[in-house]
Structure formats: structure tokens, C-alpha cells
């Protein structure tokens, strides 16, 4: 009876939960780094339609072996470790530069929407 690998979605007939040691390693890395199952990352990807949660850029989860599109960053809160979603590199870096601060982001929006006069 064939099973579906929870990491790469490949069907396989061998014993074990994963189709390969590579997929097992990928799954263990996600658990160790983000405390999340590979199936949860796949579900996030599906819920986000394979796009960045902020700008809709098409992304792939390289940690799961999918590398056709831009790498998805697994965005997480650096204080409590909670995984929020998948972001493109630019959006992930943007949040990082704003230190995940809502106050700084609101201030940036205010700045961007302000009308400026020419000198």
C-alpha cells in the first residue's frame, strides 16, 4: 500500500513515515527550528495559494525541497516563536527592519501618506 510523504507529497511504498532520509531531515529541521510540522507548513502554503502573505509574490518552501519560485521565509515572532505565515524575502526583511513593531509600521505608513511640497 502506498503512502504520501508529509514533506514532498510523493507517494512511496517503503517502511517509515517519509519517502527518504532527505525528507525526514527536512521535517526534523522544521520541528527543531520553528517547532512546526511539515504538514502545517504545507497547509499554510495551500491557504496562502503559494503566495507571500503580504505582497502576493509567488513563493516556494525551499525547506521542503520545492525550489522553482522565490524562497518563502517561514515568518515567526522572535519573542514567542509563533509561526505567522510564509513571506517572500523582501517582506520578511521589511518586517525585520521594522523590528516587528506595529508602532514603527504605523509611523512608516503615516510618513508615506503625508503630502510633501516641492522645494
PDB file of N, CA and C in Angstrom:
ATOM      1  N   UNK A   1       0.845  -1.181   0.000  1.00  0.00           N
ATOM      2  CA  UNK A   1       0.000   0.000   0.000  1.00  0.00           C
ATOM      3  C   UNK A   1       0.889   1.242   0.000  1.00  0.00           C
ATOM      4  N   UNK A   2       0.636   2.187  -0.896  1.00  0.00           N
ATOM      5  CA  UNK A   2       1.493   3.365  -0.957  1.00  0.00           C
ATOM      6  C   UNK A   2       0.993   4.445   0.003  1.00  0.00           C
ATOM      7  N   UNK A   3       1.977   5.209   0.520  1.00  0.00           N
ATOM      8  CA  UNK A   3       1.705   6.308   1.454  1.00  0.00           C
ATOM      9  C   UNK A   3       2.197   7.601   0.809  1.00  0.00           C
ATOM     10  N   UNK A   4       1.677   8.714   1.306  1.00  0.00           N
ATOM     11  CA  UNK A   4       2.090  10.014   0.802  1.00  0.00           C
ATOM     12  C   UNK A   4       3.054  10.648   1.802  1.00  0.00           C
ATOM     13  N   UNK A   5       4.208  11.052   1.308  1.00  0.00           N
ATOM     14  CA  UNK A   5       5.211  11.698   2.156  1.00  0.00           C
ATOM     15  C   UNK A   5       4.659  13.038   2.654  1.00  0.00           C
ATOM     16  N   UNK A   6       4.700  13.294   3.981  1.00  0.00           N
ATOM     17  CA  UNK A   6       4.175  14.547   4.513  1.00  0.00           C
ATOM     18  C   UNK A   6       5.019  15.778   4.159  1.00  0.00           C
ATOM     19  N   UNK A   7       6.200  15.554   3.620  1.00  0.00           N
ATOM     20  CA  UNK A   7       7.074  16.667   3.268  1.00  0.00           C
ATOM     21  C   UNK A   7       6.947  17.035   1.790  1.00  0.00           C
ATOM     22  N   UNK A   8       7.165  16.071   0.903  1.00  0.00           N
ATOM     23  CA  UNK A   8       7.216  16.374  -0.537  1.00  0.00           C
ATOM     24  C   UNK A   8       5.988  15.894  -1.311  1.00  0.00           C
ATOM     25  N   UNK A   9       5.066  15.220  -0.622  1.00  0.00           N
ATOM     26  CA  UNK A   9       3.820  14.720  -1.220  1.00  0.00           C
ATOM     27  C   UNK A   9       4.020  13.601  -2.235  1.00  0.00           C
ATOM     28  N   UNK A  10       5.214  13.013  -2.285  1.00  0.00           N
ATOM     29  CA  UNK A  10       5.484  11.880  -3.170  1.00  0.00           C
ATOM     30  C   UNK A  10       4.866  10.623  -2.562  1.00  0.00           C
ATOM     31  N   UNK A  11       4.289   9.798  -3.411  1.00  0.00           N
ATOM     32  CA  UNK A  11       3.769   8.513  -2.931  1.00  0.00           C
ATOM     33  C   UNK A  11       4.912   7.502  -2.931  1.00  0.00           C
ATOM     34  N   UNK A  12       4.973   6.678  -1.877  1.00  0.00           N
ATOM     35  CA  UNK A  12       6.060   5.704  -1.763  1.00  0.00           C
ATOM     36  C   UNK A  12       5.554   4.439  -1.080  1.00  0.00           C
ATOM     37  N   UNK A  13       6.291   3.348  -1.237  1.00  0.00           N
ATOM     38  CA  UNK A  13       5.887   2.043  -0.708  1.00  0.00           C
ATOM     39  C   UNK A  13       6.793   1.498   0.389  1.00  0.00           C
ATOM     40  N   UNK A  14       7.842   2.212   0.752  1.00  0.00           N
ATOM     41  CA  UNK A  14       8.772   1.691   1.754  1.00  0.00           C
ATOM     42  C   UNK A  14       8.248   1.945   3.167  1.00  0.00           C
ATOM     43  N   UNK A  15       8.895   1.303   4.154  1.00  0.00           N
ATOM     44  CA  UNK A  15       8.518   1.496   5.552  1.00  0.00           C
ATOM     45  C   UNK A  15       8.895   2.899   5.996  1.00  0.00           C
ATOM     46  N   UNK A  16       8.255   3.351   7.024  1.00  0.00           N
ATOM     47  CA  UNK A  16       8.575   4.657   7.590  1.00  0.00           C
ATOM     48  C   UNK A  16       7.569   5.705   7.203  1.00  0.00           C
ATOM     49  N   UNK A  17       7.734   6.873   7.813  1.00  0.00           N
ATOM     50  CA  UNK A  17       6.805   7.993   7.614  1.00  0.00           C
ATOM     51  C   UNK A  17       7.168   8.840   6.388  1.00  0.00           C
ATOM     52  N   UNK A  18       8.460   8.832   6.022  1.00  0.00           N
ATOM     53  CA  UNK A  18       8.952   9.689   4.944  1.00  0.00           C
ATOM     54  C   UNK A  18       9.459   8.862   3.772  1.00  0.00           C
ATOM     55  N   UNK A  19       9.461   9.464   2.584  1.00  0.00           N
ATOM     56  CA  UNK A  19       9.907   8.753   1.387  1.00  0.00           C
ATOM     57  C   UNK A  19      11.424   8.616   1.325  1.00  0.00           C
ATOM     58  N   UNK A  20      12.142   9.481   2.058  1.00  0.00           N
ATOM     59  CA  UNK A  20      13.603   9.464   2.005  1.00  0.00           C
ATOM     60  C   UNK A  20      14.188  10.057   3.279  1.00  0.00           C
ATOM     61  N   UNK A  21      15.480   9.851   3.456  1.00  0.00           N
ATOM     62  CA  UNK A  21      16.144  10.460   4.610  1.00  0.00           C
ATOM     63  C   UNK A  21      16.205  11.981   4.446  1.00  0.00           C
ATOM     64  N   UNK A  22      16.237  12.453   3.213  1.00  0.00           N
ATOM     65  CA  UNK A  22      16.229  13.898   2.957  1.00  0.00           C
ATOM     66  C   UNK A  22      14.956  14.518   3.509  1.00  0.00           C
ATOM     67  N   UNK A  23      13.809  13.912   3.215  1.00  0.00           N
ATOM     68  CA  UNK A  23      12.538  14.444   3.707  1.00  0.00           C
ATOM     69  C   UNK A  23      12.440  14.330   5.225  1.00  0.00           C
ATOM     70  N   UNK A  24      12.973  13.274   5.779  1.00  0.00           N
ATOM     71  CA  UNK A  24      12.981  13.113   7.237  1.00  0.00           C
ATOM     72  C   UNK A  24      13.811  14.231   7.871  1.00  0.00           C
ATOM     73  N   UNK A  25      14.964  14.522   7.286  1.00  0.00           N
ATOM     74  CA  UNK A  25      15.837  15.591   7.785  1.00  0.00           C
ATOM     75  C   UNK A  25      15.139  16.939   7.672  1.00  0.00           C
ATOM     76  N   UNK A  26      14.487  17.188   6.536  1.00  0.00           N
ATOM     77  CA  UNK A  26      13.762  18.454   6.363  1.00  0.00           C
ATOM     78  C   UNK A  26      12.697  18.622   7.436  1.00  0.00           C
ATOM     79  N   UNK A  27      11.950  17.558   7.693  1.00  0.00           N
ATOM     80  CA  UNK A  27      10.905  17.598   8.710  1.00  0.00           C
ATOM     81  C   UNK A  27      11.495  17.859  10.096  1.00  0.00           C
ATOM     82  N   UNK A  28      12.570  17.183  10.414  1.00  0.00           N
ATOM     83  CA  UNK A  28      13.221  17.378  11.718  1.00  0.00           C
ATOM     84  C   UNK A  28      13.760  18.794  11.871  1.00  0.00           C
ATOM     85  N   UNK A  29      14.294  19.371  10.800  1.00  0.00           N
ATOM     86  CA  UNK A  29      14.799  20.748  10.846  1.00  0.00           C
ATOM     87  C   UNK A  29      13.683  21.740  11.146  1.00  0.00           C
ATOM     88  N   UNK A  30      12.509  21.548  10.520  1.00  0.00           N
ATOM     89  CA  UNK A  30      11.364  22.430  10.785  1.00  0.00           C
ATOM     90  C   UNK A  30      10.911  22.317  12.237  1.00  0.00           C
ATOM     91  N   UNK A  31      10.879  21.095  12.743  1.00  0.00           N
ATOM     92  CA  UNK A  31      10.479  20.886  14.139  1.00  0.00           C
ATOM     93  C   UNK A  31      11.456  21.556  15.090  1.00  0.00           C
ATOM     94  N   UNK A  32      12.734  21.394  14.806  1.00  0.00           N
ATOM     95  CA  UNK A  32      13.765  21.942  15.683  1.00  0.00           C
ATOM     96  C   UNK A  32      13.795  23.468  15.637  1.00  0.00           C
ATOM     97  N   UNK A  33      13.746  24.028  14.446  1.00  0.00           N
ATOM     98  CA  UNK A  33      13.894  25.478  14.307  1.00  0.00           C
ATOM     99  C   UNK A  33      12.625  26.255  14.623  1.00  0.00           C
ATOM    100  N   UNK A  34      11.467  25.758  14.145  1.00  0.00           N
ATOM    101  CA  UNK A  34      10.220  26.509  14.283  1.00  0.00           C
ATOM    102  C   UNK A  34       9.171  25.817  15.146  1.00  0.00           C
ATOM    103  N   UNK A  35       9.464  24.592  15.594  1.00  0.00           N
ATOM    104  CA  UNK A  35       8.503  23.808  16.377  1.00  0.00           C
ATOM    105  C   UNK A  35       7.184  23.624  15.617  1.00  0.00           C
ATOM    106  N   UNK A  36       7.323  23.276  14.343  1.00  0.00           N
ATOM    107  CA  UNK A  36       6.178  23.121  13.461  1.00  0.00           C
ATOM    108  C   UNK A  36       6.363  21.862  12.612  1.00  0.00           C
ATOM    109  N   UNK A  37       5.270  21.210  12.301  1.00  0.00           N
ATOM    110  CA  UNK A  37       5.303  20.013  11.456  1.00  0.00           C
ATOM    111  C   UNK A  37       5.337  20.431   9.984  1.00  0.00           C
ATOM    112  N   UNK A  38       5.949  19.606   9.153  1.00  0.00           N
ATOM    113  CA  UNK A  38       5.993  19.897   7.719  1.00  0.00           C
ATOM    114  C   UNK A  38       4.580  19.984   7.149  1.00  0.00           C
ATOM    115  N   UNK A  39       3.662  19.184   7.653  1.00  0.00           N
ATOM    116  CA  UNK A  39       2.282  19.224   7.162  1.00  0.00           C
ATOM    117  C   UNK A  39       1.624  20.576   7.445  1.00  0.00           C
ATOM    118  N   UNK A  40       2.010  21.222   8.558  1.00  0.00           N
ATOM    119  CA  UNK A  40       1.480  22.546   8.872  1.00  0.00           C
ATOM    120  C   UNK A  40       2.016  23.593   7.892  1.00  0.00           C
ATOM    121  N   UNK A  41       3.272  23.453   7.488  1.00  0.00           N
ATOM    122  CA  UNK A  41       3.853  24.372   6.510  1.00  0.00           C
ATOM    123  C   UNK A  41       3.164  24.189   5.155  1.00  0.00           C
ATOM    124  N   UNK A  42       2.920  22.939   4.783  1.00  0.00           N
ATOM    125  CA  UNK A  42       2.220  22.654   3.532  1.00  0.00           C
ATOM    126  C   UNK A  42       0.815  23.263   3.574  1.00  0.00           C
ATOM    127  N   UNK A  43       0.137  23.150   4.704  1.00  0.00           N
ATOM    128  CA  UNK A  43      -1.208  23.722   4.845  1.00  0.00           C
ATOM    129  C   UNK A  43      -1.170  25.248   4.736  1.00  0.00           C
ATOM    130  N   UNK A  44      -0.180  25.895   5.362  1.00  0.00           N
ATOM    131  CA  UNK A  44      -0.022  27.352   5.233  1.00  0.00           C
ATOM    132  C   UNK A  44       0.156  27.732   3.768  1.00  0.00           C
ATOM    133  N   UNK A  45       1.014  26.964   3.076  1.00  0.00           N
ATOM    134  CA  UNK A  45       1.279  27.215   1.659  1.00  0.00           C
ATOM    135  C   UNK A  45      -0.022  27.141   0.864  1.00  0.00           C
ATOM    136  N   UNK A  46      -0.822  26.117   1.129  1.00  0.00           N
ATOM    137  CA  UNK A  46      -2.096  25.962   0.413  1.00  0.00           C
ATOM    138  C   UNK A  46      -3.062  27.088   0.750  1.00  0.00           C
ATOM    139  N   UNK A  47      -3.169  27.438   2.029  1.00  0.00           N
ATOM    140  CA  UNK A  47      -4.073  28.510   2.442  1.00  0.00           C
ATOM    141  C   UNK A  47      -3.683  29.852   1.835  1.00  0.00           C
ATOM    142  N   UNK A  48      -2.384  30.048   1.630  1.00  0.00           N
ATOM    143  CA  UNK A  48      -1.884  31.285   1.022  1.00  0.00           C
ATOM    144  C   UNK A  48      -1.785  31.178  -0.494  1.00  0.00           C
ATOM    145  N   UNK A  49      -2.262  30.097  -1.064  1.00  0.00           N
ATOM    146  CA  UNK A  49      -2.230  29.860  -2.519  1.00  0.00           C
ATOM    147  C   UNK A  49      -0.824  29.973  -3.095  1.00  0.00           C
ATOM    148  N   UNK A  50       0.187  29.591  -2.317  1.00  0.00           N
ATOM    149  CA  UNK A  50       1.566  29.619  -2.785  1.00  0.00           C
ATOM    150  C   UNK A  50       2.122  31.020  -2.957  1.00  0.00           C
ATOM    151  N   UNK A  51       1.562  31.975  -2.203  1.00  0.00           N
ATOM    152  CA  UNK A  51       1.987  33.373  -2.344  1.00  0.00           C
ATOM    153  C   UNK A  51       2.378  33.965  -0.997  1.00  0.00           C
ATOM    154  N   UNK A  52       3.187  35.006  -1.065  1.00  0.00           N
ATOM    155  CA  UNK A  52       3.568  35.761   0.121  1.00  0.00           C
ATOM    156  C   UNK A  52       2.307  36.302   0.790  1.00  0.00           C
ATOM    157  N   UNK A  53       2.229  36.200   2.111  1.00  0.00           N
ATOM    158  CA  UNK A  53       1.058  36.656   2.859  1.00  0.00           C
ATOM    159  C   UNK A  53       0.875  38.169   2.816  1.00  0.00           C
ATOM    160  N   UNK A  54       1.905  38.904   2.409  1.00  0.00           N
ATOM    161  CA  UNK A  54       1.805  40.363   2.366  1.00  0.00           C
ATOM    162  C   UNK A  54       1.635  40.884   0.943  1.00  0.00           C
ATOM    163  N   UNK A  55       2.509  40.494   0.016  1.00  0.00           N
ATOM    164  CA  UNK A  55       2.525  41.125  -1.318  1.00  0.00           C
ATOM    165  C   UNK A  55       2.055  40.228  -2.459  1.00  0.00           C
ATOM    166  N   UNK A  56       1.711  38.980  -2.174  1.00  0.00           N
ATOM    167  CA  UNK A  56       1.213  38.037  -3.183  1.00  0.00           C
ATOM    168  C   UNK A  56       2.253  37.563  -4.203  1.00  0.00           C
ATOM    169  N   UNK A  57       3.530  37.751  -3.930  1.00  0.00           N
ATOM    170  CA  UNK A  57       4.569  37.196  -4.792  1.00  0.00           C
ATOM    171  C   UNK A  57       4.523  35.666  -4.683  1.00  0.00           C
ATOM    172  N   UNK A  58       4.650  34.983  -5.815  1.00  0.00           N
ATOM    173  CA  UNK A  58       4.668  33.511  -5.795  1.00  0.00           C
ATOM    174  C   UNK A  58       5.934  33.035  -5.097  1.00  0.00           C
ATOM    175  N   UNK A  59       5.776  32.108  -4.148  1.00  0.00           N
ATOM    176  CA  UNK A  59       6.908  31.582  -3.372  1.00  0.00           C
ATOM    177  C   UNK A  59       6.839  30.062  -3.305  1.00  0.00           C
ATOM    178  N   UNK A  60       7.968  29.456  -2.985  1.00  0.00           N
ATOM    179  CA  UNK A  60       8.060  28.015  -2.736  1.00  0.00           C
ATOM    180  C   UNK A  60       8.746  27.798  -1.393  1.00  0.00           C
ATOM    181  N   UNK A  61       8.415  26.715  -0.739  1.00  0.00           N
ATOM    182  CA  UNK A  61       9.024  26.393   0.539  1.00  0.00           C
ATOM    183  C   UNK A  61      10.267  25.556   0.265  1.00  0.00           C
ATOM    184  N   UNK A  62      11.403  26.215   0.179  1.00  0.00           N
ATOM    185  CA  UNK A  62      12.663  25.543  -0.134  1.00  0.00           C
ATOM    186  C   UNK A  62      13.018  24.517   0.929  1.00  0.00           C
ATOM    187  N   UNK A  63      12.610  24.758   2.187  1.00  0.00           N
ATOM    188  CA  UNK A  63      12.893  23.799   3.260  1.00  0.00           C
ATOM    189  C   UNK A  63      12.230  22.451   3.012  1.00  0.00           C
ATOM    190  N   UNK A  64      11.203  22.431   2.151  1.00  0.00           N
ATOM    191  CA  UNK A  64      10.530  21.180   1.820  1.00  0.00           C
ATOM    192  C   UNK A  64      10.977  20.639   0.468  1.00  0.00           C
ATOM    193  N   UNK A  65      11.950  21.303  -0.148  1.00  0.00           N
ATOM    194  CA  UNK A  65      12.509  20.809  -1.398  1.00  0.00           C
ATOM    195  C   UNK A  65      11.901  21.400  -2.652  1.00  0.00           C
ATOM    196  N   UNK A  66      10.980  22.349  -2.507  1.00  0.00           N
ATOM    197  CA  UNK A  66      10.355  22.974  -3.676  1.00  0.00           C
ATOM    198  C   UNK A  66      11.082  24.277  -3.964  1.00  0.00           C
ATOM    199  N   UNK A  67      11.730  24.356  -5.143  1.00  0.00           N
ATOM    200  CA  UNK A  67      12.642  25.477  -5.395  1.00  0.00           C
ATOM    201  C   UNK A  67      12.429  26.174  -6.734  1.00  0.00           C
ATOM    202  N   UNK A  68      11.266  26.023  -7.344  1.00  0.00           N
ATOM    203  CA  UNK A  68      11.033  26.666  -8.638  1.00  0.00           C
ATOM    204  C   UNK A  68      10.843  28.178  -8.518  1.00  0.00           C
ATOM    205  N   UNK A  69      10.264  28.618  -7.421  1.00  0.00           N
ATOM    206  CA  UNK A  69       9.957  30.042  -7.230  1.00  0.00           C
ATOM    207  C   UNK A  69      10.847  30.616  -6.138  1.00  0.00           C
ATOM    208  N   UNK A  70      10.650  31.901  -5.871  1.00  0.00           N
ATOM    209  CA  UNK A  70      11.405  32.568  -4.813  1.00  0.00           C
ATOM    210  C   UNK A  70      11.208  31.846  -3.482  1.00  0.00           C
ATOM    211  N   UNK A  71      12.238  31.832  -2.678  1.00  0.00           N
ATOM    212  CA  UNK A  71      12.184  31.137  -1.390  1.00  0.00           C
ATOM    213  C   UNK A  71      11.200  31.821  -0.445  1.00  0.00           C
ATOM    214  N   UNK A  72      10.332  31.020   0.147  1.00  0.00           N
ATOM    215  CA  UNK A  72       9.420  31.517   1.170  1.00  0.00           C
ATOM    216  C   UNK A  72      10.137  31.514   2.511  1.00  0.00           C
ATOM    217  N   UNK A  73      10.056  32.631   3.200  1.00  0.00           N
ATOM    218  CA  UNK A  73      10.568  32.692   4.569  1.00  0.00           C
ATOM    219  C   UNK A  73       9.444  32.231   5.486  1.00  0.00           C
ATOM    220  N   UNK A  74       9.772  31.394   6.443  1.00  0.00           N
ATOM    221  CA  UNK A  74       8.790  30.992   7.440  1.00  0.00           C
ATOM    222  C   UNK A  74       8.826  32.070   8.513  1.00  0.00           C
ATOM    223  N   UNK A  75       7.863  32.973   8.432  1.00  0.00           N
ATOM    224  CA  UNK A  75       7.844  34.135   9.321  1.00  0.00           C
ATOM    225  C   UNK A  75       7.365  33.718  10.705  1.00  0.00           C
ATOM    226  N   UNK A  76       8.096  34.174  11.711  1.00  0.00           N
ATOM    227  CA  UNK A  76       7.732  33.841  13.084  1.00  0.00           C
ATOM    228  C   UNK A  76       8.043  35.006  14.010  1.00  0.00           C
ATOM    229  N   UNK A  77       7.333  35.024  15.127  1.00  0.00           N
ATOM    230  CA  UNK A  77       7.543  36.024  16.152  1.00  0.00           C
ATOM    231  C   UNK A  77       8.823  35.659  16.900  1.00  0.00           C
ATOM    232  N   UNK A  78       9.759  36.572  16.945  1.00  0.00           N
ATOM    233  CA  UNK A  78      11.052  36.278  17.560  1.00  0.00           C
ATOM    234  C   UNK A  78      10.991  36.245  19.085  1.00  0.00           C
ATOM    235  N   UNK A  79       9.892  36.729  19.658  1.00  0.00           N
ATOM    236  CA  UNK A  79       9.757  36.717  21.119  1.00  0.00           C
ATOM    237  C   UNK A  79       9.159  35.407  21.631  1.00  0.00           C
ATOM    238  N   UNK A  80       8.116  34.910  20.930  1.00  0.00           N
ATOM    239  CA  UNK A  80       7.471  33.689  21.418  1.00  0.00           C
ATOM    240  C   UNK A  80       7.621  32.496  20.474  1.00  0.00           C
ATOM    241  N   UNK A  81       8.228  32.703  19.287  1.00  0.00           N
ATOM    242  CA  UNK A  81       8.470  31.621  18.342  1.00  0.00           C
ATOM    243  C   UNK A  81       7.264  31.222  17.509  1.00  0.00           C
ATOM    244  N   UNK A  82       6.113  31.858  17.708  1.00  0.00           N
ATOM    245  CA  UNK A  82       4.898  31.506  16.979  1.00  0.00           C
ATOM    246  C   UNK A  82       5.060  31.769  15.481  1.00  0.00           C
ATOM    247  N   UNK A  83       4.760  30.763  14.661  1.00  0.00           N
ATOM    248  CA  UNK A  83       4.855  30.905  13.211  1.00  0.00           C
ATOM    249  C   UNK A  83       3.602  31.615  12.710  1.00  0.00           C
ATOM    250  N   UNK A  84       3.809  32.708  11.929  1.00  0.00           N
ATOM    251  CA  UNK A  84       2.692  33.520  11.456  1.00  0.00           C
ATOM    252  C   UNK A  84       2.282  33.191  10.036  1.00  0.00           C
ATOM    253  N   UNK A  85       3.238  32.837   9.195  1.00  0.00           N
ATOM    254  CA  UNK A  85       2.912  32.573   7.799  1.00  0.00           C
ATOM    255  C   UNK A  85       4.155  32.522   6.947  1.00  0.00           C
ATOM    256  N   UNK A  86       3.936  32.512   5.635  1.00  0.00           N
ATOM    257  CA  UNK A  86       5.022  32.462   4.669  1.00  0.00           C
ATOM    258  C   UNK A  86       5.130  33.810   3.966  1.00  0.00           C
ATOM    259  N   UNK A  87       6.346  34.319   3.882  1.00  0.00           N
ATOM    260  CA  UNK A  87       6.594  35.616   3.252  1.00  0.00           C
ATOM    261  C   UNK A  87       7.707  35.495   2.219  1.00  0.00           C
ATOM    262  N   UNK A  88       7.689  36.401   1.236  1.00  0.00           N
ATOM    263  CA  UNK A  88       8.824  36.497   0.316  1.00  0.00           C
ATOM    264  C   UNK A  88       9.980  37.125   1.095  1.00  0.00           C
ATOM    265  N   UNK A  89      11.159  37.054   0.546  1.00  0.00           N
ATOM    266  CA  UNK A  89      12.344  37.581   1.226  1.00  0.00           C
ATOM    267  C   UNK A  89      12.215  39.071   1.518  1.00  0.00           C
ATOM    268  N   UNK A  90      11.722  39.849   0.557  1.00  0.00           N
ATOM    269  CA  UNK A  90      11.620  41.302   0.749  1.00  0.00           C
ATOM    270  C   UNK A  90      10.694  41.664   1.897  1.00  0.00           C
ATOM    271  N   UNK A  91       9.526  41.045   1.939  1.00  0.00           N
ATOM    272  CA  UNK A  91       8.569  41.343   3.014  1.00  0.00           C
ATOM    273  C   UNK A  91       9.096  40.874   4.364  1.00  0.00           C
ATOM    274  N   UNK A  92       9.748  39.728   4.387  1.00  0.00           N
ATOM    275  CA  UNK A  92      10.316  39.231   5.634  1.00  0.00           C
ATOM    276  C   UNK A  92      11.404  40.174   6.144  1.00  0.00           C
ATOM    277  N   UNK A  93      12.274  40.628   5.256  1.00  0.00           N
ATOM    278  CA  UNK A  93      13.320  41.573   5.656  1.00  0.00           C
ATOM    279  C   UNK A  93      12.712  42.899   6.089  1.00  0.00           C
ATOM    280  N   UNK A  94      11.657  43.336   5.400  1.00  0.00           N
ATOM    281  CA  UNK A  94      10.981  44.584   5.762  1.00  0.00           C
ATOM    282  C   UNK A  94      10.462  44.537   7.190  1.00  0.00           C
ATOM    283  N   UNK A  95       9.787  43.457   7.542  1.00  0.00           N
ATOM    284  CA  UNK A  95       9.295  43.320   8.913  1.00  0.00           C
ATOM    285  C   UNK A  95      10.457  43.295   9.896  1.00  0.00           C
ATOM    286  N   UNK A  96      11.513  42.612   9.512  1.00  0.00           N
ATOM    287  CA  UNK A  96      12.688  42.545  10.377  1.00  0.00           C
ATOM    288  C   UNK A  96      13.323  43.902  10.601  1.00  0.00           C
ATOM    289  N   UNK A  97      13.411  44.700   9.532  1.00  0.00           N
ATOM    290  CA  UNK A  97      13.996  46.041   9.667  1.00  0.00           C
ATOM    291  C   UNK A  97      13.126  46.951  10.531  1.00  0.00           C
ATOM    292  N   UNK A  98      11.826  46.695  10.538  1.00  0.00           N
ATOM    293  CA  UNK A  98      10.922  47.445  11.403  1.00  0.00           C
ATOM    294  C   UNK A  98      10.772  46.774  12.771  1.00  0.00           C
ATOM    295  N   UNK A  99      11.611  45.788  13.043  1.00  0.00           N
ATOM    296  CA  UNK A  99      11.690  45.101  14.336  1.00  0.00           C
ATOM    297  C   UNK A  99      10.350  44.511  14.763  1.00  0.00           C
ATOM    298  N   UNK A 100       9.534  44.106  13.783  1.00  0.00           N
ATOM    299  CA  UNK A 100       8.200  43.542  14.049  1.00  0.00           C
ATOM    300  C   UNK A 100       7.337  44.491  14.884  1.00  0.00           C
ATOM    301  N   UNK A 101       7.611  45.775  14.802  1.00  0.00           N
ATOM    302  CA  UNK A 101       6.913  46.765  15.616  1.00  0.00           C
ATOM    303  C   UNK A 101       5.725  47.374  14.869  1.00  0.00           C
ATOM    304  N   UNK A 102       4.540  47.178  15.417  1.00  0.00           N
ATOM    305  CA  UNK A 102       3.339  47.799  14.828  1.00  0.00           C
ATOM    306  C   UNK A 102       3.441  49.315  14.876  1.00  0.00           C
ATOM    307  N   UNK A 103       3.999  49.832  15.950  1.00  0.00           N
ATOM    308  CA  UNK A 103       4.145  51.274  16.099  1.00  0.00           C
ATOM    309  C   UNK A 103       5.035  51.849  14.997  1.00  0.00           C
ATOM    310  N   UNK A 104       6.171  51.201  14.735  1.00  0.00           N
ATOM    311  CA  UNK A 104       7.057  51.680  13.666  1.00  0.00           C
ATOM    312  C   UNK A 104       6.396  51.557  12.292  1.00  0.00           C
ATOM    313  N   UNK A 105       5.662  50.460  12.072  1.00  0.00           N
ATOM    314  CA  UNK A 105       4.974  50.291  10.785  1.00  0.00           C
ATOM    315  C   UNK A 105       3.883  51.346  10.595  1.00  0.00           C
ATOM    316  N   UNK A 106       3.141  51.659  11.645  1.00  0.00           N
ATOM    317  CA  UNK A 106       2.117  52.720  11.560  1.00  0.00           C
ATOM    318  C   UNK A 106       2.771  54.062  11.264  1.00  0.00           C
ATOM    319  N   UNK A 107       3.902  54.307  11.902  1.00  0.00           N
ATOM    320  CA  UNK A 107       4.642  55.543  11.668  1.00  0.00           C
ATOM    321  C   UNK A 107       5.130  55.615  10.220  1.00  0.00           C
ATOM    322  N   UNK A 108       5.572  54.486   9.676  1.00  0.00           N
ATOM    323  CA  UNK A 108       6.020  54.449   8.278  1.00  0.00           C
ATOM    324  C   UNK A 108       4.858  54.714   7.326  1.00  0.00           C
ATOM    325  N   UNK A 109       3.683  54.158   7.610  1.00  0.00           N
ATOM    326  CA  UNK A 109       2.503  54.403   6.770  1.00  0.00           C
ATOM    327  C   UNK A 109       2.132  55.878   6.811  1.00  0.00           C
ATOM    328  N   UNK A 110       2.162  56.458   8.008  1.00  0.00           N
ATOM    329  CA  UNK A 110       1.869  57.894   8.151  1.00  0.00           C
ATOM    330  C   UNK A 110       2.862  58.717   7.326  1.00  0.00           C
ATOM    331  N   UNK A 111       4.115  58.357   7.396  1.00  0.00           N
ATOM    332  CA  UNK A 111       5.154  59.040   6.636  1.00  0.00           C
ATOM    333  C   UNK A 111       4.905  58.927   5.132  1.00  0.00           C
ATOM    334  N   UNK A 112       4.568  57.728   4.663  1.00  0.00           N
ATOM    335  CA  UNK A 112       4.355  57.508   3.228  1.00  0.00           C
ATOM    336  C   UNK A 112       3.113  58.218   2.697  1.00  0.00           C
ATOM    337  N   UNK A 113       2.120  58.430   3.526  1.00  0.00           N
ATOM    338  CA  UNK A 113       0.871  59.055   3.070  1.00  0.00           C
ATOM    339  C   UNK A 113       0.861  60.567   3.268  1.00  0.00           C
ATOM    340  N   UNK A 114       1.882  61.102   3.882  1.00  0.00           N
ATOM    341  CA  UNK A 114       1.995  62.540   4.100  1.00  0.00           C
ATOM    342  C   UNK A 114       2.229  63.242   2.761  1.00  0.00           C
ATOM    343  N   UNK A 115       1.618  64.377   2.584  1.00  0.00           N
ATOM    344  CA  UNK A 115       1.822  65.167   1.362  1.00  0.00           C
ATOM    345  C   UNK A 115       3.019  66.091   1.549  1.00  0.00           C
ATOM    346  N   UNK A 116       3.889  66.074   0.577  1.00  0.00           N
ATOM    347  CA  UNK A 116       5.097  66.897   0.645  1.00  0.00           C
ATOM    348  C   UNK A 116       5.066  67.932  -0.454  1.00  0.00           C
ATOM    349  N   UNK A 117       5.585  69.114  -0.146  1.00  0.00           N
ATOM    350  CA  UNK A 117       5.676  70.173  -1.132  1.00  0.00           C
ATOM    351  C   UNK A 117       7.046  70.115  -1.795  1.00  0.00           C
ATOM    352  N   UNK A 118       7.058  70.522  -3.048  1.00  0.00           N
ATOM    353  CA  UNK A 118       8.350  70.608  -3.737  1.00  0.00           C
ATOM    354  C   UNK A 118       9.115  71.810  -3.239  1.00  0.00           C
ATOM    355  N   UNK A 119      10.428  71.704  -3.200  1.00  0.00           N
ATOM    356  CA  UNK A 119      11.261  72.808  -2.718  1.00  0.00           C
ATOM    357  C   UNK A 119      11.374  73.877  -3.753  1.00  0.00           C
TER     358      UNK A 119
END
